[in-house]
N, C-alpha and C. Protein backbone atom coordinates (compact mmCIF):
# COMPACT_ATOMS: atom_id res chain seq x y z
N UNK A 1 91.70 81.71 163.25
CA UNK A 1 90.71 81.78 162.21
C UNK A 1 90.11 83.18 162.14
N UNK A 2 90.09 83.76 160.98
CA UNK A 2 89.57 85.12 160.80
C UNK A 2 88.05 85.10 160.81
N UNK A 3 87.49 86.12 161.47
CA UNK A 3 86.03 86.25 161.49
C UNK A 3 85.55 86.79 160.15
N UNK A 4 84.40 86.31 159.73
CA UNK A 4 83.84 86.84 158.50
C UNK A 4 83.17 88.17 158.78
N UNK A 5 83.25 89.07 157.84
CA UNK A 5 82.69 90.41 157.97
C UNK A 5 81.17 90.32 157.83
N UNK A 6 80.42 90.69 158.88
CA UNK A 6 78.95 90.57 158.82
C UNK A 6 78.33 91.44 157.72
N UNK A 7 78.89 92.62 157.51
CA UNK A 7 78.34 93.52 156.48
C UNK A 7 78.56 92.91 155.09
N UNK A 8 79.73 92.36 154.87
CA UNK A 8 80.04 91.73 153.59
C UNK A 8 79.16 90.50 153.36
N UNK A 9 78.98 89.73 154.43
CA UNK A 9 78.15 88.53 154.34
C UNK A 9 76.70 88.90 154.02
N UNK A 10 76.19 89.94 154.66
CA UNK A 10 74.82 90.40 154.42
C UNK A 10 74.67 90.92 152.98
N UNK A 11 75.69 91.64 152.52
CA UNK A 11 75.66 92.19 151.16
C UNK A 11 75.64 91.05 150.14
N UNK A 12 76.44 90.02 150.38
CA UNK A 12 76.48 88.87 149.47
C UNK A 12 75.15 88.12 149.48
N UNK A 13 74.55 87.97 150.66
CA UNK A 13 73.26 87.29 150.78
C UNK A 13 72.17 88.08 150.03
N UNK A 14 72.18 89.42 150.18
CA UNK A 14 71.20 90.26 149.48
C UNK A 14 71.39 90.17 147.97
N UNK A 15 72.64 90.12 147.54
CA UNK A 15 72.94 89.99 146.11
C UNK A 15 72.40 88.67 145.57
N UNK A 16 72.57 87.59 146.33
CA UNK A 16 72.06 86.28 145.94
C UNK A 16 70.54 86.28 145.87
N UNK A 17 69.90 86.89 146.86
CA UNK A 17 68.43 86.96 146.89
C UNK A 17 67.91 87.73 145.68
N UNK A 18 68.56 88.87 145.35
CA UNK A 18 68.15 89.65 144.18
C UNK A 18 68.31 88.83 142.90
N UNK A 19 69.39 88.06 142.80
CA UNK A 19 69.64 87.23 141.62
C UNK A 19 68.56 86.16 141.48
N UNK A 20 68.20 85.52 142.58
CA UNK A 20 67.17 84.47 142.55
C UNK A 20 65.83 85.07 142.12
N UNK A 21 65.48 86.22 142.67
CA UNK A 21 64.21 86.87 142.31
C UNK A 21 64.23 87.28 140.84
N UNK A 22 65.36 87.82 140.37
CA UNK A 22 65.48 88.22 138.97
C UNK A 22 65.32 87.02 138.05
N UNK A 23 65.98 85.91 138.39
CA UNK A 23 65.89 84.69 137.57
C UNK A 23 64.46 84.16 137.57
N UNK A 24 63.81 84.19 138.72
CA UNK A 24 62.43 83.70 138.82
C UNK A 24 61.50 84.50 137.91
N UNK A 25 61.59 85.83 137.98
CA UNK A 25 60.72 86.68 137.17
C UNK A 25 61.06 86.54 135.68
N UNK A 26 62.37 86.51 135.37
CA UNK A 26 62.80 86.36 133.98
C UNK A 26 62.31 85.05 133.39
N UNK A 27 62.43 83.97 134.17
CA UNK A 27 61.98 82.66 133.71
C UNK A 27 60.49 82.67 133.42
N UNK A 28 59.71 83.27 134.30
CA UNK A 28 58.26 83.34 134.08
C UNK A 28 57.94 84.12 132.80
N UNK A 29 58.62 85.25 132.60
CA UNK A 29 58.34 86.08 131.42
C UNK A 29 58.74 85.37 130.12
N UNK A 30 59.94 84.78 130.11
CA UNK A 30 60.40 84.10 128.91
C UNK A 30 59.53 82.88 128.62
N UNK A 31 59.23 82.11 129.66
CA UNK A 31 58.41 80.92 129.49
C UNK A 31 57.02 81.27 128.96
N UNK A 32 56.43 82.29 129.53
CA UNK A 32 55.11 82.72 129.07
C UNK A 32 55.14 83.20 127.63
N UNK A 33 56.17 83.96 127.28
CA UNK A 33 56.29 84.47 125.92
C UNK A 33 56.46 83.35 124.91
N UNK A 34 57.37 82.42 125.21
CA UNK A 34 57.61 81.29 124.30
C UNK A 34 56.37 80.42 124.18
N UNK A 35 55.70 80.17 125.30
CA UNK A 35 54.48 79.34 125.28
C UNK A 35 53.38 79.97 124.44
N UNK A 36 53.16 81.26 124.65
CA UNK A 36 52.12 81.97 123.89
C UNK A 36 52.47 81.97 122.40
N UNK A 37 53.74 82.26 122.08
CA UNK A 37 54.16 82.32 120.68
C UNK A 37 54.03 80.95 120.01
N UNK A 38 54.48 79.89 120.70
CA UNK A 38 54.39 78.55 120.09
C UNK A 38 52.94 78.09 119.96
N UNK A 39 52.12 78.40 120.97
CA UNK A 39 50.70 78.04 120.87
C UNK A 39 50.02 78.77 119.71
N UNK A 40 50.36 80.06 119.55
CA UNK A 40 49.77 80.85 118.46
C UNK A 40 50.19 80.29 117.10
N UNK A 41 51.45 79.89 117.00
CA UNK A 41 51.93 79.34 115.73
C UNK A 41 51.35 77.96 115.44
N UNK A 42 51.17 77.16 116.50
CA UNK A 42 50.74 75.77 116.29
C UNK A 42 49.23 75.62 116.15
N UNK A 43 48.48 76.48 116.82
CA UNK A 43 47.03 76.35 116.72
C UNK A 43 46.57 76.84 115.36
N UNK A 44 45.83 76.01 114.71
CA UNK A 44 45.32 76.38 113.40
C UNK A 44 46.31 76.17 112.27
N UNK A 45 47.49 75.64 112.59
CA UNK A 45 48.47 75.38 111.52
C UNK A 45 48.52 73.88 111.26
N UNK A 46 49.11 73.52 110.16
CA UNK A 46 49.23 72.11 109.81
C UNK A 46 50.31 71.41 110.62
N UNK A 47 50.39 70.11 110.41
CA UNK A 47 51.40 69.32 111.12
C UNK A 47 52.82 69.73 110.78
N UNK A 48 53.04 70.12 109.53
CA UNK A 48 54.38 70.54 109.11
C UNK A 48 54.88 71.73 109.91
N UNK A 49 54.02 72.75 110.06
CA UNK A 49 54.38 73.94 110.84
C UNK A 49 54.57 73.57 112.30
N UNK A 50 53.70 72.71 112.83
CA UNK A 50 53.80 72.30 114.23
C UNK A 50 55.13 71.58 114.49
N UNK A 51 55.52 70.68 113.58
CA UNK A 51 56.81 69.99 113.74
C UNK A 51 57.97 70.98 113.63
N UNK A 52 57.86 71.97 112.75
CA UNK A 52 58.90 72.98 112.59
C UNK A 52 59.06 73.82 113.86
N UNK A 53 57.93 74.20 114.47
CA UNK A 53 57.96 74.95 115.72
C UNK A 53 58.62 74.10 116.82
N UNK A 54 58.24 72.84 116.90
CA UNK A 54 58.82 71.93 117.90
C UNK A 54 60.33 71.80 117.70
N UNK A 55 60.75 71.59 116.47
CA UNK A 55 62.17 71.47 116.16
C UNK A 55 62.93 72.74 116.52
N UNK A 56 62.33 73.90 116.24
CA UNK A 56 62.96 75.18 116.58
C UNK A 56 63.16 75.31 118.09
N UNK A 57 62.15 74.94 118.86
CA UNK A 57 62.24 75.03 120.32
C UNK A 57 63.35 74.13 120.83
N UNK A 58 63.43 72.90 120.32
CA UNK A 58 64.49 71.96 120.74
C UNK A 58 65.86 72.52 120.36
N UNK A 59 65.99 73.06 119.15
CA UNK A 59 67.28 73.62 118.70
C UNK A 59 67.71 74.82 119.54
N UNK A 60 66.76 75.67 119.90
CA UNK A 60 67.09 76.82 120.76
C UNK A 60 67.65 76.33 122.09
N UNK A 61 67.02 75.32 122.68
CA UNK A 61 67.52 74.74 123.93
C UNK A 61 68.93 74.20 123.78
N UNK A 62 69.20 73.51 122.68
CA UNK A 62 70.53 72.94 122.44
C UNK A 62 71.56 74.05 122.23
N UNK A 63 71.23 75.07 121.45
CA UNK A 63 72.16 76.17 121.17
C UNK A 63 72.54 76.89 122.46
N UNK A 64 71.55 77.19 123.29
CA UNK A 64 71.85 77.89 124.54
C UNK A 64 72.63 77.00 125.50
N UNK A 65 72.41 75.71 125.46
CA UNK A 65 73.20 74.78 126.27
C UNK A 65 74.66 74.82 125.82
N UNK A 66 74.89 74.85 124.52
CA UNK A 66 76.25 74.94 123.96
C UNK A 66 76.93 76.22 124.43
N UNK A 67 76.21 77.34 124.38
CA UNK A 67 76.78 78.62 124.82
C UNK A 67 77.13 78.56 126.31
N UNK A 68 76.22 78.01 127.13
CA UNK A 68 76.47 77.92 128.56
C UNK A 68 77.71 77.09 128.88
N UNK A 69 77.88 75.97 128.20
CA UNK A 69 79.05 75.12 128.43
C UNK A 69 80.32 75.81 127.93
N UNK A 70 80.25 76.45 126.78
CA UNK A 70 81.43 77.13 126.21
C UNK A 70 81.91 78.24 127.13
N UNK A 71 80.99 79.00 127.70
CA UNK A 71 81.37 80.11 128.57
C UNK A 71 82.07 79.59 129.83
N UNK A 72 81.64 78.47 130.34
CA UNK A 72 82.30 77.92 131.54
C UNK A 72 83.61 77.22 131.21
N UNK A 73 83.85 76.89 129.93
CA UNK A 73 85.06 76.18 129.54
C UNK A 73 86.15 77.09 128.99
N UNK A 74 85.80 78.26 128.49
CA UNK A 74 86.76 79.11 127.78
C UNK A 74 87.70 79.84 128.74
N UNK A 75 88.87 80.19 128.20
CA UNK A 75 89.88 80.96 128.92
C UNK A 75 89.75 82.42 128.49
N UNK A 76 89.93 83.31 129.42
CA UNK A 76 89.74 84.74 129.15
C UNK A 76 90.92 85.36 128.39
N UNK A 77 92.11 84.78 128.48
CA UNK A 77 93.32 85.40 127.92
C UNK A 77 93.24 85.77 126.44
N UNK A 78 92.78 84.87 125.56
CA UNK A 78 92.74 85.25 124.14
C UNK A 78 91.86 86.46 123.85
N UNK A 79 90.87 86.68 124.69
CA UNK A 79 89.94 87.78 124.46
C UNK A 79 90.54 89.13 124.84
N UNK A 80 91.53 89.11 125.74
CA UNK A 80 92.22 90.36 126.08
C UNK A 80 93.02 90.86 124.88
N UNK A 81 93.69 89.94 124.19
CA UNK A 81 94.44 90.36 123.00
C UNK A 81 93.48 90.81 121.90
N UNK A 82 92.33 90.15 121.78
CA UNK A 82 91.32 90.58 120.80
C UNK A 82 90.80 91.98 121.14
N UNK A 83 90.57 92.22 122.44
CA UNK A 83 90.07 93.53 122.87
C UNK A 83 91.12 94.61 122.61
N UNK A 84 92.40 94.28 122.81
CA UNK A 84 93.47 95.24 122.54
C UNK A 84 93.53 95.59 121.06
N UNK A 85 93.18 94.64 120.20
CA UNK A 85 93.16 94.88 118.75
C UNK A 85 91.80 95.41 118.28
N UNK A 86 90.93 95.71 119.24
CA UNK A 86 89.59 96.25 118.97
C UNK A 86 88.74 95.32 118.09
N UNK A 87 88.86 94.02 118.33
CA UNK A 87 88.05 93.05 117.60
C UNK A 87 86.61 93.15 118.09
N UNK A 88 85.68 93.19 117.15
CA UNK A 88 84.26 93.29 117.49
C UNK A 88 83.82 92.14 118.39
N UNK A 89 83.16 92.46 119.48
CA UNK A 89 82.63 91.45 120.38
C UNK A 89 83.57 90.98 121.46
N UNK A 90 84.83 91.43 121.44
CA UNK A 90 85.80 90.96 122.43
C UNK A 90 85.43 91.42 123.84
N UNK A 91 85.03 92.67 123.97
CA UNK A 91 84.64 93.18 125.30
C UNK A 91 83.42 92.42 125.84
N UNK A 92 82.47 92.15 124.95
CA UNK A 92 81.27 91.40 125.36
C UNK A 92 81.64 89.98 125.77
N UNK A 93 82.59 89.38 125.05
CA UNK A 93 83.05 88.01 125.39
C UNK A 93 83.70 87.99 126.77
N UNK A 94 84.51 89.00 127.06
CA UNK A 94 85.15 89.09 128.38
C UNK A 94 84.09 89.22 129.47
N UNK A 95 83.08 90.04 129.21
CA UNK A 95 81.99 90.22 130.17
C UNK A 95 81.26 88.89 130.41
N UNK A 96 81.03 88.12 129.33
CA UNK A 96 80.40 86.81 129.46
C UNK A 96 81.25 85.89 130.35
N UNK A 97 82.54 85.87 130.10
CA UNK A 97 83.44 84.97 130.84
C UNK A 97 83.56 85.38 132.30
N UNK A 98 83.54 86.66 132.57
CA UNK A 98 83.64 87.13 133.96
C UNK A 98 82.35 86.87 134.74
N UNK A 99 81.28 86.64 134.02
CA UNK A 99 80.00 86.30 134.65
C UNK A 99 79.56 84.89 134.24
N UNK A 100 80.53 84.01 134.09
CA UNK A 100 80.28 82.66 133.56
C UNK A 100 79.21 81.90 134.36
N UNK A 101 79.23 82.04 135.67
CA UNK A 101 78.26 81.30 136.49
C UNK A 101 76.83 81.74 136.16
N UNK A 102 76.63 83.04 136.06
CA UNK A 102 75.28 83.55 135.76
C UNK A 102 74.88 83.27 134.31
N UNK A 103 75.83 83.44 133.40
CA UNK A 103 75.55 83.16 131.98
C UNK A 103 75.16 81.70 131.81
N UNK A 104 75.92 80.81 132.46
CA UNK A 104 75.62 79.38 132.39
C UNK A 104 74.26 79.08 132.99
N UNK A 105 73.95 79.72 134.10
CA UNK A 105 72.65 79.51 134.74
C UNK A 105 71.52 79.94 133.82
N UNK A 106 71.67 81.08 133.17
CA UNK A 106 70.62 81.56 132.27
C UNK A 106 70.51 80.66 131.05
N UNK A 107 71.66 80.35 130.42
CA UNK A 107 71.63 79.56 129.18
C UNK A 107 71.20 78.11 129.43
N UNK A 108 71.83 77.46 130.41
CA UNK A 108 71.57 76.04 130.63
C UNK A 108 70.28 75.79 131.41
N UNK A 109 70.11 76.56 132.47
CA UNK A 109 68.97 76.29 133.35
C UNK A 109 67.71 77.01 132.90
N UNK A 110 67.78 78.33 132.78
CA UNK A 110 66.57 79.08 132.45
C UNK A 110 66.07 78.74 131.05
N UNK A 111 66.87 79.06 130.04
CA UNK A 111 66.41 78.85 128.66
C UNK A 111 66.29 77.37 128.35
N UNK A 112 67.29 76.57 128.78
CA UNK A 112 67.25 75.13 128.52
C UNK A 112 66.03 74.46 129.12
N UNK A 113 65.74 74.78 130.38
CA UNK A 113 64.58 74.17 131.04
C UNK A 113 63.26 74.66 130.45
N UNK A 114 63.22 75.95 130.11
CA UNK A 114 62.00 76.49 129.49
C UNK A 114 61.74 75.76 128.17
N UNK A 115 62.78 75.61 127.37
CA UNK A 115 62.62 74.92 126.08
C UNK A 115 62.19 73.48 126.28
N UNK A 116 62.69 72.84 127.34
CA UNK A 116 62.28 71.47 127.65
C UNK A 116 60.79 71.39 127.97
N UNK A 117 60.32 72.31 128.80
CA UNK A 117 58.90 72.31 129.19
C UNK A 117 58.02 72.64 127.99
N UNK A 118 58.40 73.68 127.24
CA UNK A 118 57.58 74.11 126.10
C UNK A 118 57.59 73.05 125.00
N UNK A 119 58.73 72.38 124.80
CA UNK A 119 58.76 71.32 123.77
C UNK A 119 57.87 70.15 124.17
N UNK A 120 57.75 69.89 125.47
CA UNK A 120 56.83 68.85 125.95
C UNK A 120 55.39 69.23 125.64
N UNK A 121 55.06 70.50 125.87
CA UNK A 121 53.72 70.98 125.56
C UNK A 121 53.45 70.92 124.06
N UNK A 122 54.46 71.31 123.28
CA UNK A 122 54.32 71.29 121.82
C UNK A 122 54.14 69.86 121.31
N UNK A 123 54.88 68.90 121.90
CA UNK A 123 54.72 67.51 121.46
C UNK A 123 53.33 66.98 121.81
N UNK A 124 52.76 67.44 122.93
CA UNK A 124 51.40 67.05 123.29
C UNK A 124 50.39 67.61 122.29
N UNK A 125 50.63 68.84 121.84
CA UNK A 125 49.76 69.46 120.84
C UNK A 125 49.82 68.68 119.53
N UNK A 126 51.03 68.29 119.13
CA UNK A 126 51.19 67.52 117.89
C UNK A 126 50.52 66.15 118.04
N UNK A 127 50.67 65.54 119.21
CA UNK A 127 50.01 64.25 119.46
C UNK A 127 48.50 64.37 119.29
N UNK A 128 47.94 65.45 119.84
CA UNK A 128 46.49 65.67 119.73
C UNK A 128 46.09 65.87 118.26
N UNK A 129 46.93 66.57 117.50
CA UNK A 129 46.64 66.76 116.07
C UNK A 129 46.69 65.43 115.32
N UNK A 130 47.66 64.58 115.68
CA UNK A 130 47.76 63.27 115.03
C UNK A 130 46.56 62.39 115.36
N UNK A 131 46.12 62.45 116.62
CA UNK A 131 44.95 61.67 117.04
C UNK A 131 43.71 62.14 116.29
N UNK A 132 43.62 63.46 116.05
CA UNK A 132 42.45 64.02 115.38
C UNK A 132 42.40 63.69 113.89
N UNK A 133 43.54 63.28 113.34
CA UNK A 133 43.56 62.94 111.91
C UNK A 133 42.69 61.72 111.64
N UNK A 134 41.88 61.81 110.64
CA UNK A 134 41.06 60.65 110.27
C UNK A 134 41.94 59.64 109.56
N UNK A 135 41.74 58.40 109.89
CA UNK A 135 42.51 57.34 109.26
C UNK A 135 43.80 57.02 110.00
N UNK A 136 44.08 57.77 111.09
CA UNK A 136 45.27 57.49 111.89
C UNK A 136 44.81 56.61 113.04
N UNK A 137 45.09 55.31 112.96
CA UNK A 137 44.48 54.34 113.87
C UNK A 137 45.25 54.05 115.16
N UNK A 138 46.43 54.60 115.35
CA UNK A 138 47.20 54.30 116.56
C UNK A 138 46.51 54.91 117.78
N UNK A 139 46.54 54.21 118.94
CA UNK A 139 45.94 54.76 120.16
C UNK A 139 46.65 56.04 120.59
N UNK A 140 45.89 56.94 121.19
CA UNK A 140 46.44 58.24 121.59
C UNK A 140 47.61 58.09 122.57
N UNK A 141 47.55 57.09 123.46
CA UNK A 141 48.64 56.91 124.43
C UNK A 141 49.94 56.52 123.73
N UNK A 142 49.83 55.73 122.67
CA UNK A 142 51.02 55.32 121.91
C UNK A 142 51.62 56.53 121.18
N UNK A 143 50.75 57.32 120.56
CA UNK A 143 51.23 58.51 119.84
C UNK A 143 51.92 59.46 120.81
N UNK A 144 51.31 59.69 121.95
CA UNK A 144 51.89 60.58 122.96
C UNK A 144 53.24 60.07 123.46
N UNK A 145 53.31 58.75 123.70
CA UNK A 145 54.55 58.13 124.16
C UNK A 145 55.66 58.26 123.13
N UNK A 146 55.33 58.01 121.86
CA UNK A 146 56.33 58.10 120.78
C UNK A 146 56.81 59.55 120.63
N UNK A 147 55.89 60.51 120.67
CA UNK A 147 56.28 61.92 120.54
C UNK A 147 57.18 62.35 121.69
N UNK A 148 56.82 61.97 122.92
CA UNK A 148 57.63 62.32 124.08
C UNK A 148 59.03 61.71 123.99
N UNK A 149 59.09 60.45 123.56
CA UNK A 149 60.38 59.77 123.43
C UNK A 149 61.24 60.43 122.35
N UNK A 150 60.63 60.79 121.22
CA UNK A 150 61.38 61.46 120.15
C UNK A 150 61.94 62.80 120.60
N UNK A 151 61.10 63.59 121.27
CA UNK A 151 61.54 64.91 121.73
C UNK A 151 62.66 64.76 122.76
N UNK A 152 62.50 63.84 123.71
CA UNK A 152 63.54 63.61 124.72
C UNK A 152 64.84 63.13 124.06
N UNK A 153 64.72 62.21 123.11
CA UNK A 153 65.90 61.69 122.42
C UNK A 153 66.65 62.76 121.67
N UNK A 154 65.92 63.58 120.89
CA UNK A 154 66.56 64.66 120.15
C UNK A 154 67.19 65.69 121.08
N UNK A 155 66.50 66.02 122.16
CA UNK A 155 67.01 67.02 123.09
C UNK A 155 68.28 66.53 123.78
N UNK A 156 68.22 65.35 124.37
CA UNK A 156 69.38 64.82 125.11
C UNK A 156 70.53 64.52 124.16
N UNK A 157 70.23 63.89 123.02
CA UNK A 157 71.28 63.60 122.04
C UNK A 157 71.92 64.86 121.50
N UNK A 158 71.10 65.85 121.19
CA UNK A 158 71.62 67.12 120.68
C UNK A 158 72.49 67.83 121.69
N UNK A 159 72.07 67.79 122.96
CA UNK A 159 72.87 68.43 124.01
C UNK A 159 74.17 67.68 124.25
N UNK A 160 74.15 66.36 124.13
CA UNK A 160 75.38 65.57 124.30
C UNK A 160 76.39 65.92 123.21
N UNK A 161 75.94 65.98 121.97
CA UNK A 161 76.82 66.38 120.87
C UNK A 161 77.29 67.82 121.06
N UNK A 162 76.35 68.67 121.46
CA UNK A 162 76.65 70.09 121.67
C UNK A 162 77.68 70.34 122.75
N UNK A 163 77.63 69.57 123.83
CA UNK A 163 78.59 69.75 124.92
C UNK A 163 80.01 69.43 124.45
N UNK A 164 80.17 68.35 123.69
CA UNK A 164 81.48 68.00 123.16
C UNK A 164 81.99 69.12 122.25
N UNK A 165 81.13 69.61 121.37
CA UNK A 165 81.49 70.71 120.47
C UNK A 165 81.84 71.96 121.27
N UNK A 166 81.06 72.26 122.32
CA UNK A 166 81.28 73.46 123.13
C UNK A 166 82.63 73.42 123.84
N UNK A 167 82.99 72.27 124.37
CA UNK A 167 84.27 72.15 125.09
C UNK A 167 85.43 72.26 124.12
N UNK A 168 85.32 71.64 122.95
CA UNK A 168 86.41 71.65 121.97
C UNK A 168 86.54 72.97 121.22
N UNK A 169 85.47 73.74 121.12
CA UNK A 169 85.49 75.00 120.35
C UNK A 169 85.03 76.18 121.18
N UNK A 170 85.32 76.15 122.48
CA UNK A 170 84.77 77.16 123.39
C UNK A 170 85.18 78.59 123.03
N UNK A 171 86.42 78.80 122.61
CA UNK A 171 86.87 80.15 122.27
C UNK A 171 86.10 80.70 121.07
N UNK A 172 85.92 79.88 120.05
CA UNK A 172 85.19 80.32 118.86
C UNK A 172 83.73 80.62 119.19
N UNK A 173 83.13 79.77 120.01
CA UNK A 173 81.72 79.95 120.36
C UNK A 173 81.52 81.22 121.17
N UNK A 174 82.39 81.44 122.18
CA UNK A 174 82.27 82.65 123.00
C UNK A 174 82.53 83.89 122.15
N UNK A 175 83.51 83.82 121.25
CA UNK A 175 83.81 84.94 120.36
C UNK A 175 82.61 85.26 119.47
N UNK A 176 82.01 84.23 118.89
CA UNK A 176 80.84 84.42 118.03
C UNK A 176 79.68 85.02 118.83
N UNK A 177 79.46 84.49 120.04
CA UNK A 177 78.38 85.00 120.90
C UNK A 177 78.62 86.46 121.26
N UNK A 178 79.87 86.80 121.57
CA UNK A 178 80.23 88.18 121.86
C UNK A 178 79.96 89.09 120.67
N UNK A 179 80.27 88.61 119.45
CA UNK A 179 80.01 89.40 118.25
C UNK A 179 78.51 89.61 118.04
N UNK A 180 77.72 88.57 118.31
CA UNK A 180 76.26 88.69 118.17
C UNK A 180 75.73 89.71 119.17
N UNK A 181 76.20 89.64 120.41
CA UNK A 181 75.76 90.60 121.43
C UNK A 181 76.17 92.01 121.04
N UNK A 182 77.40 92.15 120.55
CA UNK A 182 77.89 93.46 120.10
C UNK A 182 77.02 94.00 118.98
N UNK A 183 76.66 93.14 118.03
CA UNK A 183 75.81 93.57 116.91
C UNK A 183 74.42 93.97 117.40
N UNK A 184 73.88 93.21 118.36
CA UNK A 184 72.55 93.55 118.91
C UNK A 184 72.60 94.91 119.60
N UNK A 185 73.70 95.17 120.31
CA UNK A 185 73.84 96.45 121.02
C UNK A 185 74.07 97.61 120.05
N UNK A 186 74.83 97.34 118.99
CA UNK A 186 75.18 98.40 118.03
C UNK A 186 74.99 97.87 116.60
N UNK A 187 73.74 97.70 116.16
CA UNK A 187 73.50 97.04 114.86
C UNK A 187 74.04 97.80 113.65
N UNK A 188 74.18 99.10 113.75
CA UNK A 188 74.62 99.87 112.59
C UNK A 188 76.01 100.45 112.76
N UNK A 189 76.72 99.97 113.78
CA UNK A 189 78.09 100.47 114.00
C UNK A 189 79.00 99.97 112.88
N UNK A 190 79.90 100.82 112.45
CA UNK A 190 80.84 100.44 111.40
C UNK A 190 81.93 99.57 112.00
N UNK A 191 82.33 98.55 111.25
CA UNK A 191 83.40 97.67 111.69
C UNK A 191 84.72 98.42 111.64
N UNK A 192 85.53 98.26 112.72
CA UNK A 192 86.86 98.87 112.73
C UNK A 192 87.84 97.96 112.04
N UNK A 193 88.69 98.55 111.23
CA UNK A 193 89.67 97.75 110.50
C UNK A 193 90.94 97.61 111.31
């Protein structure tokens, strides 16, 4: 049995520790930003805007879940031929696939979980707005329960549909994501023919 290299093992452990710390700080920053933004949009707005904000948060969670699953399901080979033909976003797609574990962790765990927590907070805000409406006679506990159940149902159902779509269309999804990343990096770059 070959001995493991202590220096290599220490380097890998330090890399893991840095990744965990980075994810922790990133999650706090993204969560705080989304919470502040959703609270600012929902406070002082009508029920229509509040429901729209809630729906947007749930959809963002579902979209990032789809991307995370697609990245872990896709094969890298088609993207090499795209990169050879200088297709926009191909290099970014390859980078996503080579870092599939981290991309999946960010998309599914970080963003997905943040959206879950923030959507719960948003549904509580909507419940409070519904309770405050005059002429709305349902008990606050019932309103809160119905809102929580609706949000959970839409989130879980949306992710279930999204996972099937992500597995069946993983190459297209990763390609599209790569193109979006490429555009974000170079928004005014001319397309190569």
